Every structure is written in C-alpha cells, then in structure tokens.
Amino acid sequence: MTEVRLSEAPHGNRAKSTVSFPNGVSMSSAETYPTVSEALAAAALKLLDMPDRLARLDQAAKVPKL
C-alpha cells in the first residue's frame, strides 16, 4: 500500500503543513495557518489538486516488486 503523509509543524505562533510521498519527496506549504486543522486541510487540498501525481502513485503501487 502506498502511504502519503500529511503533517504539521509549529511555525512561530502558527502552523505549517507538509505532504510527504513514499519516494522521499515532500512539499511544505509556503503559507502558515492559525490552527493545525487549517494547515492540514490546506495540505490535503493541495494534494488533491495534483491528480497526475496521485495517478502515478497508484500505478507505482500496482507494479509487482521483484
């Protein structure tokens, strides 16, 4: 199963989000948000705006490992 992680970290008195892919690539938001839930929601929405990357993750998960 392919796992994509959404995480947050404090950034001053605000929160910053990161999306991490299984191949080691991660993207952090340039923006900060007042709450953790807003930061995570923003990261999730950005991920959904990349259907081509999600499709490639699905394809990679279907390839049998030798």
PDB file of N, CA and C in Angstrom:
ATOM      1  N   MET A   1       0.843  -1.181   0.000  1.00  0.00           N
ATOM      2  CA  MET A   1       0.000   0.000   0.000  1.00  0.00           C
ATOM      3  C   MET A   1       0.886   1.241   0.000  1.00  0.00           C
ATOM      4  N   THR A   2       0.518   2.194  -0.800  1.00  0.00           N
ATOM      5  CA  THR A   2       1.237   3.465  -0.854  1.00  0.00           C
ATOM      6  C   THR A   2       0.718   4.372   0.244  1.00  0.00           C
ATOM      7  N   GLU A   3       1.620   5.037   0.904  1.00  0.00           N
ATOM      8  CA  GLU A   3       1.225   5.910   2.007  1.00  0.00           C
ATOM      9  C   GLU A   3       1.715   7.329   1.743  1.00  0.00           C
ATOM     10  N   VAL A   4       0.801   8.271   1.788  1.00  0.00           N
ATOM     11  CA  VAL A   4       1.129   9.687   1.690  1.00  0.00           C
ATOM     12  C   VAL A   4       0.829  10.291   3.049  1.00  0.00           C
ATOM     13  N   ARG A   5       1.778  11.017   3.600  1.00  0.00           N
ATOM     14  CA  ARG A   5       1.597  11.572   4.946  1.00  0.00           C
ATOM     15  C   ARG A   5       1.355  13.072   4.905  1.00  0.00           C
ATOM     16  N   LEU A   6       0.417  13.498   5.696  1.00  0.00           N
ATOM     17  CA  LEU A   6       0.184  14.919   5.941  1.00  0.00           C
ATOM     18  C   LEU A   6       0.670  15.184   7.356  1.00  0.00           C
ATOM     19  N   SER A   7       1.486  16.194   7.521  1.00  0.00           N
ATOM     20  CA  SER A   7       1.964  16.519   8.863  1.00  0.00           C
ATOM     21  C   SER A   7       2.009  18.029   9.022  1.00  0.00           C
ATOM     22  N   GLU A   8       2.134  18.431  10.252  1.00  0.00           N
ATOM     23  CA  GLU A   8       2.235  19.865  10.538  1.00  0.00           C
ATOM     24  C   GLU A   8       3.335  20.098  11.537  1.00  0.00           C
ATOM     25  N   ALA A   9       3.829  21.313  11.540  1.00  0.00           N
ATOM     26  CA  ALA A   9       4.859  21.706  12.494  1.00  0.00           C
ATOM     27  C   ALA A   9       4.587  23.146  12.911  1.00  0.00           C
ATOM     28  N   PRO A  10       4.876  23.458  14.155  1.00  0.00           N
ATOM     29  CA  PRO A  10       4.701  24.847  14.583  1.00  0.00           C
ATOM     30  C   PRO A  10       5.632  25.761  13.796  1.00  0.00           C
ATOM     31  N   HIS A  11       5.157  26.931  13.501  1.00  0.00           N
ATOM     32  CA  HIS A  11       5.964  27.933  12.792  1.00  0.00           C
ATOM     33  C   HIS A  11       5.631  29.270  13.444  1.00  0.00           C
ATOM     34  N   GLY A  12       6.409  29.631  14.424  1.00  0.00           N
ATOM     35  CA  GLY A  12       6.071  30.818  15.228  1.00  0.00           C
ATOM     36  C   GLY A  12       4.826  30.494  16.038  1.00  0.00           C
ATOM     37  N   ASN A  13       3.829  31.333  15.963  1.00  0.00           N
ATOM     38  CA  ASN A  13       2.582  31.053  16.682  1.00  0.00           C
ATOM     39  C   ASN A  13       1.524  30.516  15.719  1.00  0.00           C
ATOM     40  N   ARG A  14       1.981  29.976  14.585  1.00  0.00           N
ATOM     41  CA  ARG A  14       1.072  29.440  13.572  1.00  0.00           C
ATOM     42  C   ARG A  14       1.519  28.026  13.206  1.00  0.00           C
ATOM     43  N   ALA A  15       0.847  27.389  12.257  1.00  0.00           N
ATOM     44  CA  ALA A  15       1.180  26.020  11.853  1.00  0.00           C
ATOM     45  C   ALA A  15       1.509  25.988  10.370  1.00  0.00           C
ATOM     46  N   LYS A  16       2.428  25.115  10.005  1.00  0.00           N
ATOM     47  CA  LYS A  16       2.849  24.931   8.620  1.00  0.00           C
ATOM     48  C   LYS A  16       2.667  23.459   8.280  1.00  0.00           C
ATOM     49  N   SER A  17       2.222  23.147   7.067  1.00  0.00           N
ATOM     50  CA  SER A  17       1.933  21.767   6.709  1.00  0.00           C
ATOM     51  C   SER A  17       2.924  21.215   5.697  1.00  0.00           C
ATOM     52  N   THR A  18       3.060  19.887   5.688  1.00  0.00           N
ATOM     53  CA  THR A  18       3.933  19.180   4.758  1.00  0.00           C
ATOM     54  C   THR A  18       3.213  17.944   4.239  1.00  0.00           C
ATOM     55  N   VAL A  19       3.362  17.678   2.940  1.00  0.00           N
ATOM     56  CA  VAL A  19       2.881  16.445   2.331  1.00  0.00           C
ATOM     57  C   VAL A  19       4.128  15.640   1.990  1.00  0.00           C
ATOM     58  N   SER A  20       4.212  14.386   2.466  1.00  0.00           N
ATOM     59  CA  SER A  20       5.368  13.538   2.212  1.00  0.00           C
ATOM     60  C   SER A  20       4.949  12.312   1.400  1.00  0.00           C
ATOM     61  N   PHE A  21       5.679  12.054   0.313  1.00  0.00           N
ATOM     62  CA  PHE A  21       5.411  10.917  -0.556  1.00  0.00           C
ATOM     63  C   PHE A  21       6.367   9.780  -0.230  1.00  0.00           C
ATOM     64  N   PRO A  22       6.010   8.529  -0.580  1.00  0.00           N
ATOM     65  CA  PRO A  22       6.835   7.383  -0.227  1.00  0.00           C
ATOM     66  C   PRO A  22       8.213   7.380  -0.881  1.00  0.00           C
ATOM     67  N   ASN A  23       8.395   8.085  -1.989  1.00  0.00           N
ATOM     68  CA  ASN A  23       9.702   8.101  -2.651  1.00  0.00           C
ATOM     69  C   ASN A  23      10.651   9.124  -2.028  1.00  0.00           C
ATOM     70  N   GLY A  24      10.235   9.738  -0.929  1.00  0.00           N
ATOM     71  CA  GLY A  24      11.087  10.690  -0.221  1.00  0.00           C
ATOM     72  C   GLY A  24      10.850  12.142  -0.575  1.00  0.00           C
ATOM     73  N   VAL A  25      10.029  12.393  -1.580  1.00  0.00           N
ATOM     74  CA  VAL A  25       9.720  13.774  -1.961  1.00  0.00           C
ATOM     75  C   VAL A  25       8.719  14.343  -0.968  1.00  0.00           C
ATOM     76  N   SER A  26       8.923  15.569  -0.555  1.00  0.00           N
ATOM     77  CA  SER A  26       7.951  16.219   0.321  1.00  0.00           C
ATOM     78  C   SER A  26       7.787  17.671  -0.115  1.00  0.00           C
ATOM     79  N   MET A  27       6.626  18.195   0.174  1.00  0.00           N
ATOM     80  CA  MET A  27       6.315  19.584  -0.156  1.00  0.00           C
ATOM     81  C   MET A  27       5.799  20.257   1.101  1.00  0.00           C
ATOM     82  N   SER A  28       6.375  21.378   1.434  1.00  0.00           N
ATOM     83  CA  SER A  28       5.894  22.164   2.563  1.00  0.00           C
ATOM     84  C   SER A  28       5.168  23.382   2.035  1.00  0.00           C
ATOM     85  N   SER A  29       4.173  23.797   2.774  1.00  0.00           N
ATOM     86  CA  SER A  29       3.440  24.987   2.354  1.00  0.00           C
ATOM     87  C   SER A  29       4.289  26.229   2.608  1.00  0.00           C
ATOM     88  N   ALA A  30       4.180  27.179   1.735  1.00  0.00           N
ATOM     89  CA  ALA A  30       4.844  28.459   1.948  1.00  0.00           C
ATOM     90  C   ALA A  30       4.050  29.279   2.959  1.00  0.00           C
ATOM     91  N   GLU A  31       2.756  28.977   3.052  1.00  0.00           N
ATOM     92  CA  GLU A  31       1.872  29.718   3.943  1.00  0.00           C
ATOM     93  C   GLU A  31       1.887  29.105   5.341  1.00  0.00           C
ATOM     94  N   THR A  32       1.505  29.887   6.303  1.00  0.00           N
ATOM     95  CA  THR A  32       1.249  29.368   7.642  1.00  0.00           C
ATOM     96  C   THR A  32      -0.217  29.629   7.959  1.00  0.00           C
ATOM     97  N   TYR A  33      -0.753  28.822   8.853  1.00  0.00           N
ATOM     98  CA  TYR A  33      -2.175  28.894   9.174  1.00  0.00           C
ATOM     99  C   TYR A  33      -2.356  29.051  10.686  1.00  0.00           C
ATOM    100  N   PRO A  34      -3.453  29.678  11.108  1.00  0.00           N
ATOM    101  CA  PRO A  34      -3.666  29.924  12.535  1.00  0.00           C
ATOM    102  C   PRO A  34      -3.846  28.651  13.367  1.00  0.00           C
ATOM    103  N   THR A  35      -4.348  27.576  12.749  1.00  0.00           N
ATOM    104  CA  THR A  35      -4.574  26.341  13.507  1.00  0.00           C
ATOM    105  C   THR A  35      -3.983  25.147  12.771  1.00  0.00           C
ATOM    106  N   VAL A  36      -3.741  24.075  13.511  1.00  0.00           N
ATOM    107  CA  VAL A  36      -3.230  22.836  12.929  1.00  0.00           C
ATOM    108  C   VAL A  36      -4.224  22.286  11.909  1.00  0.00           C
ATOM    109  N   SER A  37      -5.510  22.291  12.244  1.00  0.00           N
ATOM    110  CA  SER A  37      -6.503  21.720  11.324  1.00  0.00           C
ATOM    111  C   SER A  37      -6.546  22.488  10.003  1.00  0.00           C
ATOM    112  N   GLU A  38      -6.380  23.796  10.039  1.00  0.00           N
ATOM    113  CA  GLU A  38      -6.352  24.576   8.797  1.00  0.00           C
ATOM    114  C   GLU A  38      -5.109  24.251   7.975  1.00  0.00           C
ATOM    115  N   ALA A  39      -3.985  24.053   8.629  1.00  0.00           N
ATOM    116  CA  ALA A  39      -2.754  23.714   7.918  1.00  0.00           C
ATOM    117  C   ALA A  39      -2.885  22.360   7.236  1.00  0.00           C
ATOM    118  N   LEU A  40      -3.417  21.364   7.953  1.00  0.00           N
ATOM    119  CA  LEU A  40      -3.583  20.030   7.371  1.00  0.00           C
ATOM    120  C   LEU A  40      -4.613  20.023   6.252  1.00  0.00           C
ATOM    121  N   ALA A  41      -5.694  20.750   6.420  1.00  0.00           N
ATOM    122  CA  ALA A  41      -6.714  20.831   5.369  1.00  0.00           C
ATOM    123  C   ALA A  41      -6.133  21.470   4.110  1.00  0.00           C
ATOM    124  N   ALA A  42      -5.328  22.504   4.263  1.00  0.00           N
ATOM    125  CA  ALA A  42      -4.713  23.155   3.113  1.00  0.00           C
ATOM    126  C   ALA A  42      -3.772  22.200   2.384  1.00  0.00           C
ATOM    127  N   ALA A  43      -2.997  21.422   3.138  1.00  0.00           N
ATOM    128  CA  ALA A  43      -2.093  20.452   2.516  1.00  0.00           C
ATOM    129  C   ALA A  43      -2.884  19.388   1.760  1.00  0.00           C
ATOM    130  N   ALA A  44      -3.957  18.915   2.350  1.00  0.00           N
ATOM    131  CA  ALA A  44      -4.783  17.900   1.688  1.00  0.00           C
ATOM    132  C   ALA A  44      -5.393  18.449   0.401  1.00  0.00           C
ATOM    133  N   LEU A  45      -5.858  19.668   0.428  1.00  0.00           N
ATOM    134  CA  LEU A  45      -6.446  20.273  -0.769  1.00  0.00           C
ATOM    135  C   LEU A  45      -5.400  20.463  -1.865  1.00  0.00           C
ATOM    136  N   LYS A  46      -4.182  20.829  -1.488  1.00  0.00           N
ATOM    137  CA  LYS A  46      -3.120  20.967  -2.493  1.00  0.00           C
ATOM    138  C   LYS A  46      -2.815  19.615  -3.121  1.00  0.00           C
ATOM    139  N   LEU A  47      -2.823  18.563  -2.314  1.00  0.00           N
ATOM    140  CA  LEU A  47      -2.574  17.220  -2.821  1.00  0.00           C
ATOM    141  C   LEU A  47      -3.650  16.819  -3.822  1.00  0.00           C
ATOM    142  N   LEU A  48      -4.897  17.116  -3.522  1.00  0.00           N
ATOM    143  CA  LEU A  48      -5.991  16.782  -4.425  1.00  0.00           C
ATOM    144  C   LEU A  48      -5.932  17.578  -5.724  1.00  0.00           C
ATOM    145  N   ASP A  49      -5.236  18.701  -5.719  1.00  0.00           N
ATOM    146  CA  ASP A  49      -5.070  19.496  -6.934  1.00  0.00           C
ATOM    147  C   ASP A  49      -4.001  18.932  -7.861  1.00  0.00           C
ATOM    148  N   MET A  50      -3.407  17.791  -7.492  1.00  0.00           N
ATOM    149  CA  MET A  50      -2.359  17.170  -8.307  1.00  0.00           C
ATOM    150  C   MET A  50      -2.786  15.768  -8.739  1.00  0.00           C
ATOM    151  N   PRO A  51      -3.862  15.627  -9.505  1.00  0.00           N
ATOM    152  CA  PRO A  51      -4.341  14.287  -9.862  1.00  0.00           C
ATOM    153  C   PRO A  51      -3.315  13.468 -10.639  1.00  0.00           C
ATOM    154  N   ASP A  52      -2.446  14.105 -11.407  1.00  0.00           N
ATOM    155  CA  ASP A  52      -1.434  13.363 -12.147  1.00  0.00           C
ATOM    156  C   ASP A  52      -0.445  12.680 -11.203  1.00  0.00           C
ATOM    157  N   ARG A  53      -0.063  13.350 -10.136  1.00  0.00           N
ATOM    158  CA  ARG A  53       0.858  12.735  -9.171  1.00  0.00           C
ATOM    159  C   ARG A  53       0.166  11.596  -8.424  1.00  0.00           C
ATOM    160  N   LEU A  54      -1.100  11.764  -8.077  1.00  0.00           N
ATOM    161  CA  LEU A  54      -1.832  10.700  -7.412  1.00  0.00           C
ATOM    162  C   LEU A  54      -1.984   9.491  -8.336  1.00  0.00           C
ATOM    163  N   ALA A  55      -2.226   9.719  -9.624  1.00  0.00           N
ATOM    164  CA  ALA A  55      -2.345   8.622 -10.589  1.00  0.00           C
ATOM    165  C   ALA A  55      -1.025   7.859 -10.698  1.00  0.00           C
ATOM    166  N   ARG A  56       0.101   8.566 -10.697  1.00  0.00           N
ATOM    167  CA  ARG A  56       1.406   7.899 -10.754  1.00  0.00           C
ATOM    168  C   ARG A  56       1.650   7.066  -9.498  1.00  0.00           C
ATOM    169  N   LEU A  57       1.209   7.549  -8.338  1.00  0.00           N
ATOM    170  CA  LEU A  57       1.347   6.764  -7.110  1.00  0.00           C
ATOM    171  C   LEU A  57       0.544   5.476  -7.209  1.00  0.00           C
ATOM    172  N   ASP A  58      -0.665   5.567  -7.773  1.00  0.00           N
ATOM    173  CA  ASP A  58      -1.485   4.367  -7.952  1.00  0.00           C
ATOM    174  C   ASP A  58      -0.805   3.375  -8.874  1.00  0.00           C
ATOM    175  N   GLN A  59      -0.231   3.856  -9.970  1.00  0.00           N
ATOM    176  CA  GLN A  59       0.448   2.979 -10.917  1.00  0.00           C
ATOM    177  C   GLN A  59       1.657   2.318 -10.264  1.00  0.00           C
ATOM    178  N   ALA A  60       2.419   3.074  -9.513  1.00  0.00           N
ATOM    179  CA  ALA A  60       3.597   2.525  -8.843  1.00  0.00           C
ATOM    180  C   ALA A  60       3.214   1.462  -7.820  1.00  0.00           C
ATOM    181  N   ALA A  61       2.085   1.637  -7.174  1.00  0.00           N
ATOM    182  CA  ALA A  61       1.635   0.667  -6.163  1.00  0.00           C
ATOM    183  C   ALA A  61       1.194  -0.639  -6.814  1.00  0.00           C
ATOM    184  N   LYS A  62       0.782  -0.615  -8.089  1.00  0.00           N
ATOM    185  CA  LYS A  62       0.289  -1.802  -8.778  1.00  0.00           C
ATOM    186  C   LYS A  62       1.411  -2.627  -9.402  1.00  0.00           C
ATOM    187  N   VAL A  63       2.595  -2.041  -9.563  1.00  0.00           N
ATOM    188  CA  VAL A  63       3.709  -2.749 -10.176  1.00  0.00           C
ATOM    189  C   VAL A  63       4.271  -3.745  -9.181  1.00  0.00           C
ATOM    190  N   PRO A  64       4.312  -5.046  -9.554  1.00  0.00           N
ATOM    191  CA  PRO A  64       4.856  -6.045  -8.609  1.00  0.00           C
ATOM    192  C   PRO A  64       6.349  -5.838  -8.402  1.00  0.00           C
ATOM    193  N   LYS A  65       6.764  -5.987  -7.169  1.00  0.00           N
ATOM    194  CA  LYS A  65       8.195  -5.852  -6.838  1.00  0.00           C
ATOM    195  C   LYS A  65       8.869  -7.204  -6.970  1.00  0.00           C
ATOM    196  N   LEU A  66       9.988  -7.216  -7.658  1.00  0.00           N
ATOM    197  CA  LEU A  66      10.733  -8.474  -7.883  1.00  0.00           C
ATOM    198  C   LEU A  66      11.828  -8.644  -6.889  1.00  0.00           C
TER     199      LEU A  66
END
